[in-house]
Amino acid sequence: MVEVKEQVEQALEEIRPFLVNDGGNISLVAIEGDTVIVELEGNCISCAVNQMTLQLGVETTIKKYAPQIKKVVKVN
């Protein structure tokens, strides 16, 4: 489990600069089986395209680092 968490954190570090540039951020909340739970922060919360960002950007990048992950969901 530690290895998966490290892989997911690496993925988030790759994504984070793009989100911060737009006034947002992302945090890992939990990993439950093959699902990653994240929290979008700042401008990402109210962004009209946050679901698209989550699926196309975040989920794709996490799966690149941790292919065993099947799904990424947000808490907010």
N, C-alpha and C. Protein backbone atom coordinates (compact mmCIF):
# COMPACT_ATOMS: atom_id res chain seq x y z
N MET A 1 0.83 -1.21 0.00
CA MET A 1 0.00 0.00 0.00
C MET A 1 0.86 1.26 0.00
N VAL A 2 2.00 1.22 0.71
CA VAL A 2 2.88 2.39 0.75
C VAL A 2 3.38 2.72 -0.65
N GLU A 3 3.73 1.69 -1.42
CA GLU A 3 4.21 1.92 -2.77
C GLU A 3 3.15 2.59 -3.63
N VAL A 4 1.92 2.16 -3.53
CA VAL A 4 0.83 2.77 -4.31
C VAL A 4 0.66 4.23 -3.89
N LYS A 5 0.70 4.49 -2.60
CA LYS A 5 0.55 5.87 -2.12
C LYS A 5 1.67 6.74 -2.68
N GLU A 6 2.89 6.23 -2.68
CA GLU A 6 4.01 6.99 -3.23
C GLU A 6 3.82 7.26 -4.72
N GLN A 7 3.32 6.27 -5.45
CA GLN A 7 3.06 6.43 -6.89
C GLN A 7 2.00 7.51 -7.12
N VAL A 8 0.94 7.48 -6.32
CA VAL A 8 -0.14 8.46 -6.46
C VAL A 8 0.38 9.85 -6.11
N GLU A 9 1.17 9.96 -5.06
CA GLU A 9 1.74 11.26 -4.68
C GLU A 9 2.64 11.81 -5.78
N GLN A 10 3.40 10.94 -6.44
CA GLN A 10 4.24 11.37 -7.57
C GLN A 10 3.36 11.94 -8.68
N ALA A 11 2.28 11.26 -8.96
CA ALA A 11 1.35 11.73 -10.00
C ALA A 11 0.78 13.09 -9.63
N LEU A 12 0.39 13.26 -8.38
CA LEU A 12 -0.18 14.54 -7.94
C LEU A 12 0.86 15.65 -8.03
N GLU A 13 2.13 15.33 -7.76
CA GLU A 13 3.18 16.33 -7.88
C GLU A 13 3.34 16.79 -9.33
N GLU A 14 3.09 15.89 -10.27
CA GLU A 14 3.16 16.27 -11.69
C GLU A 14 2.00 17.18 -12.07
N ILE A 15 0.83 16.92 -11.52
CA ILE A 15 -0.39 17.65 -11.84
C ILE A 15 -0.46 19.00 -11.12
N ARG A 16 0.01 19.02 -9.89
CA ARG A 16 -0.16 20.17 -9.00
C ARG A 16 0.23 21.52 -9.62
N PRO A 17 1.37 21.66 -10.30
CA PRO A 17 1.73 22.99 -10.84
C PRO A 17 0.67 23.57 -11.77
N PHE A 18 0.01 22.74 -12.55
CA PHE A 18 -1.03 23.22 -13.46
C PHE A 18 -2.23 23.74 -12.68
N LEU A 19 -2.58 23.04 -11.61
CA LEU A 19 -3.72 23.45 -10.78
C LEU A 19 -3.39 24.72 -10.00
N VAL A 20 -2.19 24.77 -9.44
CA VAL A 20 -1.76 25.95 -8.66
C VAL A 20 -1.72 27.17 -9.57
N ASN A 21 -1.29 26.99 -10.80
CA ASN A 21 -1.24 28.09 -11.76
C ASN A 21 -2.61 28.71 -11.98
N ASP A 22 -3.66 27.92 -11.83
CA ASP A 22 -5.03 28.41 -11.98
C ASP A 22 -5.68 28.74 -10.63
N GLY A 23 -4.88 28.80 -9.57
CA GLY A 23 -5.40 29.16 -8.25
C GLY A 23 -6.02 28.01 -7.49
N GLY A 24 -5.70 26.78 -7.87
CA GLY A 24 -6.25 25.61 -7.20
C GLY A 24 -5.17 24.72 -6.63
N ASN A 25 -5.57 23.55 -6.19
CA ASN A 25 -4.64 22.55 -5.67
C ASN A 25 -5.39 21.24 -5.56
N ILE A 26 -4.67 20.19 -5.19
CA ILE A 26 -5.26 18.87 -5.02
C ILE A 26 -4.53 18.15 -3.90
N SER A 27 -5.29 17.39 -3.11
CA SER A 27 -4.72 16.62 -2.01
C SER A 27 -5.24 15.20 -2.06
N LEU A 28 -4.38 14.27 -1.69
CA LEU A 28 -4.79 12.87 -1.56
C LEU A 28 -5.51 12.70 -0.24
N VAL A 29 -6.72 12.18 -0.27
CA VAL A 29 -7.50 11.92 0.94
C VAL A 29 -7.30 10.47 1.38
N ALA A 30 -7.48 9.54 0.43
CA ALA A 30 -7.36 8.12 0.77
C ALA A 30 -7.21 7.29 -0.49
N ILE A 31 -6.76 6.06 -0.27
CA ILE A 31 -6.76 5.05 -1.32
C ILE A 31 -7.53 3.87 -0.76
N GLU A 32 -8.60 3.52 -1.43
CA GLU A 32 -9.45 2.41 -0.98
C GLU A 32 -9.51 1.38 -2.10
N GLY A 33 -8.74 0.32 -1.95
CA GLY A 33 -8.68 -0.70 -2.99
C GLY A 33 -8.05 -0.12 -4.24
N ASP A 34 -8.80 -0.13 -5.34
CA ASP A 34 -8.29 0.42 -6.60
C ASP A 34 -8.87 1.80 -6.90
N THR A 35 -9.35 2.49 -5.86
CA THR A 35 -9.94 3.82 -6.00
C THR A 35 -9.14 4.84 -5.20
N VAL A 36 -8.81 5.95 -5.84
CA VAL A 36 -8.13 7.06 -5.18
C VAL A 36 -9.16 8.14 -4.90
N ILE A 37 -9.14 8.67 -3.69
CA ILE A 37 -10.04 9.75 -3.30
C ILE A 37 -9.19 11.00 -3.11
N VAL A 38 -9.55 12.06 -3.82
CA VAL A 38 -8.81 13.32 -3.76
C VAL A 38 -9.74 14.45 -3.35
N GLU A 39 -9.13 15.52 -2.90
CA GLU A 39 -9.88 16.74 -2.60
C GLU A 39 -9.33 17.86 -3.47
N LEU A 40 -10.20 18.48 -4.23
CA LEU A 40 -9.83 19.64 -5.02
C LEU A 40 -9.95 20.86 -4.12
N GLU A 41 -9.01 21.81 -4.27
CA GLU A 41 -8.96 22.96 -3.38
C GLU A 41 -8.90 24.26 -4.18
N GLY A 42 -9.18 25.36 -3.50
CA GLY A 42 -9.08 26.68 -4.12
C GLY A 42 -10.05 26.83 -5.28
N ASN A 43 -9.56 27.43 -6.37
CA ASN A 43 -10.42 27.67 -7.54
C ASN A 43 -10.93 26.38 -8.18
N CYS A 44 -10.28 25.26 -7.90
CA CYS A 44 -10.72 23.98 -8.49
C CYS A 44 -12.09 23.56 -7.97
N ILE A 45 -12.46 24.01 -6.78
CA ILE A 45 -13.74 23.62 -6.19
C ILE A 45 -14.90 24.13 -7.04
N SER A 46 -14.83 25.39 -7.44
CA SER A 46 -15.95 25.99 -8.16
C SER A 46 -15.77 26.01 -9.67
N CYS A 47 -14.67 25.46 -10.13
CA CYS A 47 -14.39 25.47 -11.57
C CYS A 47 -15.42 24.64 -12.33
N ALA A 48 -15.93 25.20 -13.40
CA ALA A 48 -16.96 24.51 -14.18
C ALA A 48 -16.43 23.26 -14.88
N VAL A 49 -15.14 23.18 -15.07
CA VAL A 49 -14.58 22.02 -15.78
C VAL A 49 -13.83 21.07 -14.83
N ASN A 50 -14.10 21.15 -13.51
CA ASN A 50 -13.32 20.33 -12.59
C ASN A 50 -13.55 18.84 -12.79
N GLN A 51 -14.74 18.43 -13.22
CA GLN A 51 -14.96 17.00 -13.46
C GLN A 51 -14.15 16.54 -14.67
N MET A 52 -14.07 17.38 -15.69
CA MET A 52 -13.26 17.04 -16.86
C MET A 52 -11.78 17.01 -16.48
N THR A 53 -11.34 17.98 -15.68
CA THR A 53 -9.96 18.01 -15.20
C THR A 53 -9.66 16.76 -14.41
N LEU A 54 -10.59 16.37 -13.55
CA LEU A 54 -10.40 15.18 -12.73
C LEU A 54 -10.22 13.95 -13.60
N GLN A 55 -11.07 13.78 -14.59
CA GLN A 55 -11.03 12.58 -15.42
C GLN A 55 -9.87 12.61 -16.42
N LEU A 56 -9.72 13.69 -17.15
CA LEU A 56 -8.73 13.73 -18.21
C LEU A 56 -7.32 13.99 -17.70
N GLY A 57 -7.19 14.85 -16.71
CA GLY A 57 -5.86 15.18 -16.21
C GLY A 57 -5.43 14.33 -15.04
N VAL A 58 -6.18 14.39 -13.97
CA VAL A 58 -5.80 13.74 -12.73
C VAL A 58 -5.84 12.22 -12.87
N GLU A 59 -6.96 11.68 -13.30
CA GLU A 59 -7.10 10.22 -13.37
C GLU A 59 -6.09 9.61 -14.35
N THR A 60 -5.93 10.24 -15.50
CA THR A 60 -4.98 9.73 -16.49
C THR A 60 -3.56 9.73 -15.95
N THR A 61 -3.17 10.79 -15.27
CA THR A 61 -1.81 10.88 -14.73
C THR A 61 -1.61 9.88 -13.60
N ILE A 62 -2.59 9.74 -12.72
CA ILE A 62 -2.47 8.76 -11.64
C ILE A 62 -2.33 7.35 -12.21
N LYS A 63 -3.12 7.03 -13.22
CA LYS A 63 -3.04 5.69 -13.83
C LYS A 63 -1.70 5.46 -14.51
N LYS A 64 -1.07 6.53 -14.99
CA LYS A 64 0.25 6.40 -15.60
C LYS A 64 1.28 5.97 -14.54
N TYR A 65 1.19 6.54 -13.36
CA TYR A 65 2.11 6.21 -12.27
C TYR A 65 1.71 4.95 -11.52
N ALA A 66 0.41 4.72 -11.39
CA ALA A 66 -0.11 3.59 -10.62
C ALA A 66 -1.19 2.89 -11.44
N PRO A 67 -0.79 2.04 -12.39
CA PRO A 67 -1.76 1.41 -13.30
C PRO A 67 -2.79 0.53 -12.61
N GLN A 68 -2.53 0.15 -11.38
CA GLN A 68 -3.49 -0.68 -10.64
C GLN A 68 -4.71 0.11 -10.18
N ILE A 69 -4.63 1.44 -10.25
CA ILE A 69 -5.76 2.29 -9.88
C ILE A 69 -6.77 2.30 -11.03
N LYS A 70 -8.03 2.09 -10.71
CA LYS A 70 -9.08 2.02 -11.72
C LYS A 70 -9.97 3.26 -11.74
N LYS A 71 -10.02 3.99 -10.62
CA LYS A 71 -10.99 5.09 -10.51
C LYS A 71 -10.44 6.17 -9.58
N VAL A 72 -10.75 7.42 -9.91
CA VAL A 72 -10.41 8.56 -9.06
C VAL A 72 -11.69 9.33 -8.81
N VAL A 73 -11.98 9.60 -7.53
CA VAL A 73 -13.17 10.35 -7.16
C VAL A 73 -12.77 11.52 -6.27
N LYS A 74 -13.62 12.54 -6.25
CA LYS A 74 -13.34 13.70 -5.40
C LYS A 74 -14.33 13.76 -4.25
N VAL A 75 -13.89 14.36 -3.14
CA VAL A 75 -14.76 14.44 -1.97
C VAL A 75 -15.60 15.70 -1.94
N ASN A 76 -15.24 16.73 -2.67
CA ASN A 76 -16.01 17.98 -2.61
C ASN A 76 -16.69 18.28 -3.91
